[in-house]
Every structure is written in structure tokens, then in C-alpha cells.
Amino acid sequence: MEYHLNITGLFKDDEELRATIKKRKICYDTEPYFLPNEQGSLTQIGFQINLYGTFPDTDEGLAAKRRDFGEVLHDVRKVAEALKKTGESLHMGELVIPDSTSVSLSDEREWRPDVSVHIPVFDQEHFGHPVDDRITKVVSVAGKLLEEAGVQKSRWHD
């Protein structure tokens, strides 16, 4: 089965989508999404899909990264929007940008400077309901959609 992101209104064609993914070396991972329950512990109600994009490989320093930050964020956000438009919108929450001016570093991605966008995935009809097979399947299909478009899992491999 082939998977395709809904890029209508975001990218002119699949070639532009793939070029953007490659330029920003976009990769993704997922993590559990928890909510405190009445007993004072945490209940997993879904997952969070994290998309990471980085800056062009240049010898330019911090000033260049500051200048390019908005463009990198814009490109990563467009890929996230395409995923959200494609998936079951019923289960994908609003895109979250933790700090619109921050760059993260991770050992998993070899300490490259990343701009990230997060997509919470949970049952919005029954908010707080523990994660179930339907939500797990949405996240699995989302991963396949991203990978089919060229987004790499966990880290970028040239």
C-alpha cells in the first residue's frame, strides 16, 4: 500500500515536498503522551509525533542560524500541516511549537541544531481516554506517510 501526504495548498508537488524534506533533513520520532489522572498518577492517552528539521550545512555561525530560523520552522511546520491534513484530524491535536525561538540538540541526531514541531495524537472525542489500538494505528500510519515522503525515522542518514 502506498502512502501520500495531502500537500494541497502547502507544496506545489511531491518534488517540492521531497526537496524541502531533504534540504531540512527532516526526521521524526514518537513518544507517549500522558495526562495526570484523578489518582495522581499519569495515564497514557496517546502519542506525540515530533518532527525535527535543521539548518543548511554551511560554515556560517550563530548569526546565520538566527537569520534562517524562521525559514526552517516554516518548512518543518508545512510538513507537519501536511501530515495533519492527511491523518485522521479527529485524533491529531493542534501543532505545538515548544518555544518559537529555541533550537534543540540531541545525541540521537548527533547534536545537530534542530527546530521542532510536535503533533499530539489522542482521542479528541473522549479526551482523557487511555490510548487504544485505534490511536496506535493512527501513529503507525503517520510514520508510514512521513517515511514515504522521505522523512527519516529518529535521525537523518545521508
N, C-alpha and C. Protein backbone atom coordinates (compact mmCIF):
# COMPACT_ATOMS: atom_id res chain seq x y z
N MET A 1 0.83 -1.18 0.00
CA MET A 1 0.00 0.00 0.00
C MET A 1 0.88 1.25 0.00
N GLU A 2 0.54 2.19 -0.86
CA GLU A 2 1.29 3.44 -0.91
C GLU A 2 0.63 4.48 -0.03
N TYR A 3 1.48 5.31 0.57
CA TYR A 3 1.01 6.36 1.46
C TYR A 3 1.45 7.70 0.88
N HIS A 4 0.53 8.69 0.88
CA HIS A 4 0.85 10.01 0.35
C HIS A 4 0.31 11.09 1.28
N LEU A 5 1.15 12.05 1.58
CA LEU A 5 0.72 13.20 2.37
C LEU A 5 -0.18 14.09 1.53
N ASN A 6 -1.15 14.70 2.15
CA ASN A 6 -2.01 15.67 1.48
C ASN A 6 -1.28 17.01 1.49
N ILE A 7 -0.67 17.36 0.37
CA ILE A 7 0.16 18.57 0.29
C ILE A 7 -0.57 19.74 -0.35
N THR A 8 -1.85 19.57 -0.64
CA THR A 8 -2.63 20.61 -1.29
C THR A 8 -2.56 21.93 -0.51
N GLY A 9 -2.16 22.98 -1.21
CA GLY A 9 -2.06 24.30 -0.60
C GLY A 9 -0.79 24.52 0.22
N LEU A 10 0.05 23.49 0.33
CA LEU A 10 1.28 23.60 1.11
C LEU A 10 2.53 23.51 0.24
N PHE A 11 2.52 22.56 -0.69
CA PHE A 11 3.63 22.35 -1.62
C PHE A 11 3.02 22.26 -3.02
N LYS A 12 3.77 22.72 -4.04
CA LYS A 12 3.20 22.68 -5.39
C LYS A 12 3.12 21.26 -5.94
N ASP A 13 4.06 20.38 -5.50
CA ASP A 13 4.04 19.00 -5.95
C ASP A 13 4.92 18.14 -5.02
N ASP A 14 4.93 16.83 -5.29
CA ASP A 14 5.73 15.91 -4.46
C ASP A 14 7.22 16.23 -4.54
N GLU A 15 7.66 16.73 -5.68
CA GLU A 15 9.08 17.08 -5.84
C GLU A 15 9.48 18.19 -4.88
N GLU A 16 8.65 19.21 -4.75
CA GLU A 16 8.94 20.30 -3.82
C GLU A 16 8.92 19.79 -2.37
N LEU A 17 7.97 18.93 -2.05
CA LEU A 17 7.90 18.33 -0.71
C LEU A 17 9.20 17.58 -0.40
N ARG A 18 9.61 16.71 -1.31
CA ARG A 18 10.84 15.91 -1.09
C ARG A 18 12.08 16.79 -1.01
N ALA A 19 12.13 17.84 -1.84
CA ALA A 19 13.28 18.76 -1.80
C ALA A 19 13.34 19.48 -0.46
N THR A 20 12.20 19.88 0.07
CA THR A 20 12.16 20.55 1.37
C THR A 20 12.60 19.60 2.47
N ILE A 21 12.12 18.38 2.44
CA ILE A 21 12.49 17.37 3.45
C ILE A 21 13.99 17.13 3.41
N LYS A 22 14.54 17.01 2.21
CA LYS A 22 15.98 16.77 2.07
C LYS A 22 16.79 18.00 2.51
N LYS A 23 16.36 19.18 2.10
CA LYS A 23 17.07 20.41 2.45
C LYS A 23 17.15 20.59 3.97
N ARG A 24 16.05 20.31 4.66
CA ARG A 24 15.99 20.49 6.11
C ARG A 24 16.35 19.23 6.88
N LYS A 25 16.63 18.14 6.14
CA LYS A 25 16.98 16.85 6.76
C LYS A 25 15.97 16.50 7.84
N ILE A 26 14.70 16.53 7.44
CA ILE A 26 13.62 16.33 8.41
C ILE A 26 13.54 14.87 8.83
N CYS A 27 13.48 14.68 10.13
CA CYS A 27 13.31 13.35 10.68
C CYS A 27 12.24 13.43 11.77
N TYR A 28 11.83 12.27 12.27
CA TYR A 28 10.76 12.26 13.26
C TYR A 28 10.98 11.16 14.29
N ASP A 29 10.31 11.31 15.41
CA ASP A 29 10.19 10.23 16.37
C ASP A 29 8.84 10.38 17.05
N THR A 30 8.50 9.42 17.87
CA THR A 30 7.25 9.48 18.61
C THR A 30 7.54 9.19 20.08
N GLU A 31 6.66 9.68 20.91
CA GLU A 31 6.79 9.42 22.35
C GLU A 31 5.40 9.35 22.94
N PRO A 32 5.26 8.71 24.10
CA PRO A 32 3.95 8.65 24.75
C PRO A 32 3.47 10.04 25.15
N TYR A 33 2.16 10.22 25.15
CA TYR A 33 1.53 11.48 25.56
C TYR A 33 0.69 11.16 26.80
N PHE A 34 1.03 11.78 27.91
CA PHE A 34 0.40 11.47 29.20
C PHE A 34 -0.46 12.62 29.70
N LEU A 35 -1.41 12.24 30.55
CA LEU A 35 -2.27 13.20 31.22
C LEU A 35 -2.40 12.76 32.68
N PRO A 36 -2.28 13.67 33.64
CA PRO A 36 -2.48 13.28 35.04
C PRO A 36 -3.92 12.78 35.24
N ASN A 37 -4.07 11.72 36.03
CA ASN A 37 -5.41 11.21 36.31
C ASN A 37 -5.85 11.58 37.72
N GLU A 38 -7.05 11.19 38.09
CA GLU A 38 -7.62 11.55 39.39
C GLU A 38 -6.86 10.93 40.56
N GLN A 39 -6.16 9.83 40.33
CA GLN A 39 -5.40 9.16 41.38
C GLN A 39 -4.03 9.80 41.60
N GLY A 40 -3.70 10.79 40.80
CA GLY A 40 -2.43 11.48 40.96
C GLY A 40 -1.29 10.87 40.17
N SER A 41 -1.57 9.85 39.37
CA SER A 41 -0.53 9.28 38.52
C SER A 41 -0.81 9.72 37.07
N LEU A 42 -0.08 9.15 36.14
CA LEU A 42 -0.23 9.52 34.74
C LEU A 42 -0.89 8.40 33.95
N THR A 43 -1.74 8.79 33.01
CA THR A 43 -2.37 7.85 32.09
C THR A 43 -1.92 8.22 30.68
N GLN A 44 -1.45 7.21 29.94
CA GLN A 44 -1.09 7.48 28.54
C GLN A 44 -2.37 7.58 27.74
N ILE A 45 -2.62 8.77 27.17
CA ILE A 45 -3.84 8.97 26.38
C ILE A 45 -3.55 9.00 24.88
N GLY A 46 -2.29 8.95 24.52
CA GLY A 46 -1.94 8.99 23.10
C GLY A 46 -0.45 9.04 22.91
N PHE A 47 -0.07 9.70 21.83
CA PHE A 47 1.33 9.82 21.47
C PHE A 47 1.59 11.25 21.02
N GLN A 48 2.84 11.58 20.90
CA GLN A 48 3.25 12.86 20.32
C GLN A 48 4.22 12.53 19.20
N ILE A 49 3.94 13.04 18.01
CA ILE A 49 4.84 12.90 16.88
C ILE A 49 5.70 14.15 16.84
N ASN A 50 7.01 13.98 16.85
CA ASN A 50 7.95 15.09 16.85
C ASN A 50 8.65 15.15 15.49
N LEU A 51 8.57 16.28 14.84
CA LEU A 51 9.28 16.50 13.58
C LEU A 51 10.44 17.45 13.84
N TYR A 52 11.62 17.11 13.30
CA TYR A 52 12.83 17.90 13.51
C TYR A 52 13.43 18.28 12.17
N GLY A 53 13.77 19.53 12.01
CA GLY A 53 14.47 20.00 10.82
C GLY A 53 15.68 20.80 11.24
N THR A 54 16.68 20.84 10.37
CA THR A 54 17.92 21.53 10.73
C THR A 54 18.29 22.57 9.68
N PHE A 55 19.37 23.24 9.94
CA PHE A 55 19.84 24.33 9.10
C PHE A 55 20.73 23.80 7.98
N PRO A 56 20.88 24.57 6.90
CA PRO A 56 21.78 24.16 5.83
C PRO A 56 23.20 23.98 6.36
N ASP A 57 23.93 23.06 5.77
CA ASP A 57 25.33 22.84 6.15
C ASP A 57 26.19 23.97 5.56
N THR A 58 26.57 24.89 6.42
CA THR A 58 27.45 25.98 6.00
C THR A 58 28.42 26.26 7.14
N ASP A 59 29.42 27.03 6.84
CA ASP A 59 30.38 27.43 7.87
C ASP A 59 29.92 28.70 8.58
N GLU A 60 28.76 29.22 8.19
CA GLU A 60 28.26 30.43 8.83
C GLU A 60 27.91 30.13 10.28
N GLY A 61 28.06 31.11 11.13
CA GLY A 61 27.87 30.90 12.56
C GLY A 61 26.47 31.14 13.05
N LEU A 62 26.38 31.51 14.30
CA LEU A 62 25.12 31.69 15.00
C LEU A 62 24.24 32.75 14.35
N ALA A 63 24.82 33.80 13.86
CA ALA A 63 24.02 34.86 13.23
C ALA A 63 23.24 34.32 12.04
N ALA A 64 23.85 33.44 11.25
CA ALA A 64 23.18 32.86 10.10
C ALA A 64 22.02 31.96 10.54
N LYS A 65 22.25 31.21 11.63
CA LYS A 65 21.19 30.34 12.13
C LYS A 65 20.02 31.17 12.65
N ARG A 66 20.31 32.26 13.31
CA ARG A 66 19.24 33.15 13.76
C ARG A 66 18.45 33.67 12.56
N ARG A 67 19.16 34.03 11.52
CA ARG A 67 18.53 34.55 10.31
C ARG A 67 17.66 33.49 9.65
N ASP A 68 18.13 32.25 9.62
CA ASP A 68 17.43 31.17 8.93
C ASP A 68 16.37 30.47 9.77
N PHE A 69 16.32 30.76 11.08
CA PHE A 69 15.43 30.04 11.98
C PHE A 69 13.98 30.04 11.48
N GLY A 70 13.47 31.19 11.12
CA GLY A 70 12.08 31.29 10.67
C GLY A 70 11.79 30.45 9.44
N GLU A 71 12.74 30.39 8.51
CA GLU A 71 12.56 29.58 7.30
C GLU A 71 12.54 28.09 7.63
N VAL A 72 13.44 27.67 8.52
CA VAL A 72 13.47 26.25 8.90
C VAL A 72 12.16 25.89 9.60
N LEU A 73 11.74 26.71 10.54
CA LEU A 73 10.48 26.46 11.26
C LEU A 73 9.31 26.40 10.28
N HIS A 74 9.27 27.31 9.34
CA HIS A 74 8.20 27.35 8.34
C HIS A 74 8.14 26.04 7.55
N ASP A 75 9.30 25.54 7.12
CA ASP A 75 9.34 24.30 6.33
C ASP A 75 8.93 23.08 7.15
N VAL A 76 9.40 22.99 8.38
CA VAL A 76 9.04 21.85 9.23
C VAL A 76 7.54 21.90 9.54
N ARG A 77 7.06 23.09 9.79
CA ARG A 77 5.63 23.24 10.08
C ARG A 77 4.76 22.84 8.88
N LYS A 78 5.20 23.17 7.67
CA LYS A 78 4.44 22.78 6.47
C LYS A 78 4.33 21.26 6.35
N VAL A 79 5.41 20.55 6.65
CA VAL A 79 5.36 19.08 6.61
C VAL A 79 4.40 18.57 7.69
N ALA A 80 4.46 19.18 8.88
CA ALA A 80 3.54 18.80 9.96
C ALA A 80 2.08 19.06 9.55
N GLU A 81 1.82 20.19 8.91
CA GLU A 81 0.47 20.52 8.45
C GLU A 81 -0.01 19.50 7.41
N ALA A 82 0.88 19.09 6.51
CA ALA A 82 0.51 18.08 5.51
C ALA A 82 0.12 16.77 6.20
N LEU A 83 0.89 16.39 7.22
CA LEU A 83 0.56 15.16 7.95
C LEU A 83 -0.79 15.30 8.64
N LYS A 84 -1.02 16.41 9.27
CA LYS A 84 -2.28 16.62 9.98
C LYS A 84 -3.46 16.60 9.01
N LYS A 85 -3.30 17.21 7.84
CA LYS A 85 -4.37 17.22 6.83
C LYS A 85 -4.65 15.82 6.31
N THR A 86 -3.62 14.96 6.30
CA THR A 86 -3.75 13.63 5.74
C THR A 86 -4.35 12.65 6.74
N GLY A 87 -3.92 12.78 7.99
CA GLY A 87 -4.34 11.83 9.02
C GLY A 87 -5.77 12.04 9.46
N GLU A 88 -6.16 11.26 10.42
CA GLU A 88 -7.50 11.42 11.00
C GLU A 88 -7.47 12.67 11.85
N SER A 89 -7.96 13.77 11.29
CA SER A 89 -7.90 15.04 12.00
C SER A 89 -8.62 14.96 13.34
N LEU A 90 -9.55 14.02 13.45
CA LEU A 90 -10.26 13.82 14.70
C LEU A 90 -9.29 13.51 15.84
N HIS A 91 -8.16 12.90 15.51
CA HIS A 91 -7.24 12.44 16.55
C HIS A 91 -5.95 13.24 16.64
N MET A 92 -5.72 14.14 15.74
CA MET A 92 -4.48 14.91 15.79
C MET A 92 -4.79 16.30 16.33
N GLY A 93 -4.14 16.64 17.42
CA GLY A 93 -4.35 17.94 18.03
C GLY A 93 -3.63 19.03 17.26
N GLU A 94 -3.74 20.24 17.76
CA GLU A 94 -3.07 21.37 17.14
C GLU A 94 -1.55 21.20 17.20
N LEU A 95 -0.87 21.71 16.20
CA LEU A 95 0.58 21.66 16.18
C LEU A 95 1.13 22.48 17.33
N VAL A 96 2.17 21.96 17.94
CA VAL A 96 2.77 22.63 19.08
C VAL A 96 4.22 22.96 18.75
N ILE A 97 4.59 24.20 18.95
CA ILE A 97 5.98 24.62 18.81
C ILE A 97 6.40 25.04 20.21
N PRO A 98 7.24 24.24 20.87
CA PRO A 98 7.54 24.47 22.29
C PRO A 98 8.01 25.89 22.61
N ASP A 99 8.90 26.42 21.83
CA ASP A 99 9.38 27.79 22.00
C ASP A 99 9.76 28.25 20.62
N SER A 100 9.07 29.22 20.13
CA SER A 100 9.25 29.62 18.74
C SER A 100 10.61 30.23 18.44
N THR A 101 11.48 30.31 19.44
CA THR A 101 12.82 30.84 19.18
C THR A 101 13.91 29.87 19.62
N SER A 102 13.55 28.66 20.00
CA SER A 102 14.57 27.76 20.55
C SER A 102 15.02 26.71 19.54
N VAL A 103 16.23 26.29 19.72
CA VAL A 103 16.84 25.24 18.92
C VAL A 103 17.24 24.15 19.91
N SER A 104 16.95 22.90 19.56
CA SER A 104 17.31 21.80 20.45
C SER A 104 18.48 21.01 19.88
N LEU A 105 19.17 20.34 20.77
CA LEU A 105 20.28 19.47 20.41
C LEU A 105 20.02 18.10 21.03
N SER A 106 20.32 17.05 20.28
CA SER A 106 20.07 15.71 20.79
C SER A 106 21.17 14.75 20.35
N ASP A 107 21.57 13.90 21.27
CA ASP A 107 22.54 12.87 20.95
C ASP A 107 22.01 11.98 19.83
N GLU A 108 20.71 11.70 19.86
CA GLU A 108 20.08 10.84 18.85
C GLU A 108 20.32 11.38 17.43
N ARG A 109 20.34 12.70 17.29
CA ARG A 109 20.54 13.31 15.97
C ARG A 109 21.92 13.94 15.86
N GLU A 110 22.86 13.38 16.58
CA GLU A 110 24.28 13.75 16.52
C GLU A 110 24.53 15.22 16.81
N TRP A 111 23.80 15.76 17.75
CA TRP A 111 23.98 17.12 18.24
C TRP A 111 23.79 18.21 17.19
N ARG A 112 23.07 17.90 16.14
CA ARG A 112 22.79 18.94 15.15
C ARG A 112 21.77 19.91 15.73
N PRO A 113 21.79 21.17 15.35
CA PRO A 113 20.79 22.11 15.85
C PRO A 113 19.45 21.88 15.15
N ASP A 114 18.41 21.60 15.91
CA ASP A 114 17.10 21.29 15.35
C ASP A 114 16.03 22.28 15.76
N VAL A 115 15.13 22.51 14.84
CA VAL A 115 13.89 23.23 15.09
C VAL A 115 12.82 22.14 15.09
N SER A 116 11.93 22.16 16.06
CA SER A 116 10.96 21.06 16.16
C SER A 116 9.52 21.54 16.20
N VAL A 117 8.65 20.67 15.70
CA VAL A 117 7.20 20.86 15.77
C VAL A 117 6.63 19.54 16.28
N HIS A 118 5.70 19.62 17.22
CA HIS A 118 5.12 18.43 17.84
C HIS A 118 3.63 18.34 17.50
N ILE A 119 3.18 17.11 17.25
CA ILE A 119 1.78 16.87 16.95
C ILE A 119 1.24 15.87 17.97
N PRO A 120 0.38 16.31 18.88
CA PRO A 120 -0.22 15.36 19.82
C PRO A 120 -1.29 14.53 19.09
N VAL A 121 -1.34 13.25 19.39
CA VAL A 121 -2.31 12.35 18.78
C VAL A 121 -3.06 11.64 19.91
N PHE A 122 -4.36 11.92 20.02
CA PHE A 122 -5.18 11.31 21.07
C PHE A 122 -6.64 11.34 20.64
N ASP A 123 -7.50 10.65 21.37
CA ASP A 123 -8.93 10.60 21.06
C ASP A 123 -9.57 11.88 21.54
N GLN A 124 -9.85 12.79 20.62
CA GLN A 124 -10.41 14.07 21.00
C GLN A 124 -11.89 13.99 21.35
N GLU A 125 -12.59 12.96 20.87
CA GLU A 125 -13.99 12.78 21.23
C GLU A 125 -14.13 12.36 22.69
N HIS A 126 -13.16 11.59 23.17
CA HIS A 126 -13.19 11.08 24.54
C HIS A 126 -11.88 11.46 25.22
N PHE A 127 -11.64 12.76 25.34
CA PHE A 127 -10.37 13.24 25.88
C PHE A 127 -10.11 12.63 27.25
N GLY A 128 -8.89 12.15 27.43
CA GLY A 128 -8.50 11.52 28.69
C GLY A 128 -8.63 10.02 28.66
N HIS A 129 -9.27 9.49 27.62
CA HIS A 129 -9.42 8.04 27.46
C HIS A 129 -8.04 7.42 27.24
N PRO A 130 -7.74 6.30 27.91
CA PRO A 130 -6.42 5.68 27.70
C PRO A 130 -6.19 5.32 26.23
N VAL A 131 -4.95 5.34 25.83
CA VAL A 131 -4.58 5.03 24.45
C VAL A 131 -5.15 3.66 24.09
N ASP A 132 -5.62 3.55 22.85
CA ASP A 132 -6.17 2.28 22.38
C ASP A 132 -5.58 1.93 21.02
N ASP A 133 -6.00 0.81 20.46
CA ASP A 133 -5.47 0.33 19.18
C ASP A 133 -5.71 1.33 18.05
N ARG A 134 -6.83 2.04 18.09
CA ARG A 134 -7.15 2.99 17.03
C ARG A 134 -6.11 4.12 17.00
N ILE A 135 -5.77 4.65 18.17
CA ILE A 135 -4.77 5.72 18.25
C ILE A 135 -3.39 5.18 17.86
N THR A 136 -3.06 3.99 18.31
CA THR A 136 -1.78 3.38 17.96
C THR A 136 -1.68 3.21 16.44
N LYS A 137 -2.78 2.83 15.80
CA LYS A 137 -2.78 2.65 14.34
C LYS A 137 -2.60 4.00 13.64
N VAL A 138 -3.23 5.06 14.14
CA VAL A 138 -3.08 6.40 13.54
C VAL A 138 -1.60 6.79 13.54
N VAL A 139 -0.90 6.54 14.66
CA VAL A 139 0.51 6.90 14.76
C VAL A 139 1.35 6.04 13.82
N SER A 140 1.02 4.77 13.70
CA SER A 140 1.75 3.88 12.79
C SER A 140 1.60 4.34 11.33
N VAL A 141 0.38 4.66 10.94
CA VAL A 141 0.13 5.14 9.57
C VAL A 141 0.83 6.49 9.35
N ALA A 142 0.82 7.35 10.36
CA ALA A 142 1.51 8.64 10.25
C ALA A 142 3.00 8.43 9.96
N GLY A 143 3.62 7.48 10.65
CA GLY A 143 5.03 7.17 10.39
C GLY A 143 5.24 6.71 8.96
N LYS A 144 4.35 5.87 8.46
CA LYS A 144 4.48 5.39 7.08
C LYS A 144 4.30 6.53 6.08
N LEU A 145 3.36 7.43 6.35
CA LEU A 145 3.15 8.59 5.49
C LEU A 145 4.41 9.46 5.44
N LEU A 146 4.99 9.72 6.60
CA LEU A 146 6.20 10.54 6.66
C LEU A 146 7.36 9.87 5.93
N GLU A 147 7.56 8.58 6.19
CA GLU A 147 8.68 7.87 5.58
C GLU A 147 8.52 7.77 4.07
N GLU A 148 7.30 7.57 3.60
CA GLU A 148 7.06 7.51 2.15
C GLU A 148 7.42 8.84 1.48
N ALA A 149 7.24 9.95 2.21
CA ALA A 149 7.57 11.27 1.67
C ALA A 149 9.07 11.57 1.75
N GLY A 150 9.82 10.74 2.50
CA GLY A 150 11.26 10.95 2.61
C GLY A 150 11.73 11.36 3.99
N VAL A 151 10.80 11.57 4.93
CA VAL A 151 11.18 11.90 6.31
C VAL A 151 11.77 10.64 6.93
N GLN A 152 12.89 10.80 7.63
CA GLN A 152 13.57 9.62 8.19
C GLN A 152 13.26 9.47 9.66
N LYS A 153 13.20 8.22 10.10
CA LYS A 153 12.88 7.93 11.50
C LYS A 153 14.11 8.14 12.37
N SER A 154 13.94 8.84 13.46
CA SER A 154 14.93 9.08 14.51
C SER A 154 16.04 10.05 14.12
N ARG A 155 16.73 9.80 13.04
CA ARG A 155 17.82 10.68 12.64
C ARG A 155 18.02 10.62 11.14
N TRP A 156 18.70 11.62 10.63
CA TRP A 156 18.93 11.70 9.18
C TRP A 156 20.15 10.89 8.80
N HIS A 157 19.98 10.06 7.76
CA HIS A 157 21.09 9.28 7.20
C HIS A 157 21.30 9.74 5.76
N ASP A 158 22.48 10.25 5.45
CA ASP A 158 22.74 10.70 4.07
C ASP A 158 22.85 9.53 3.12
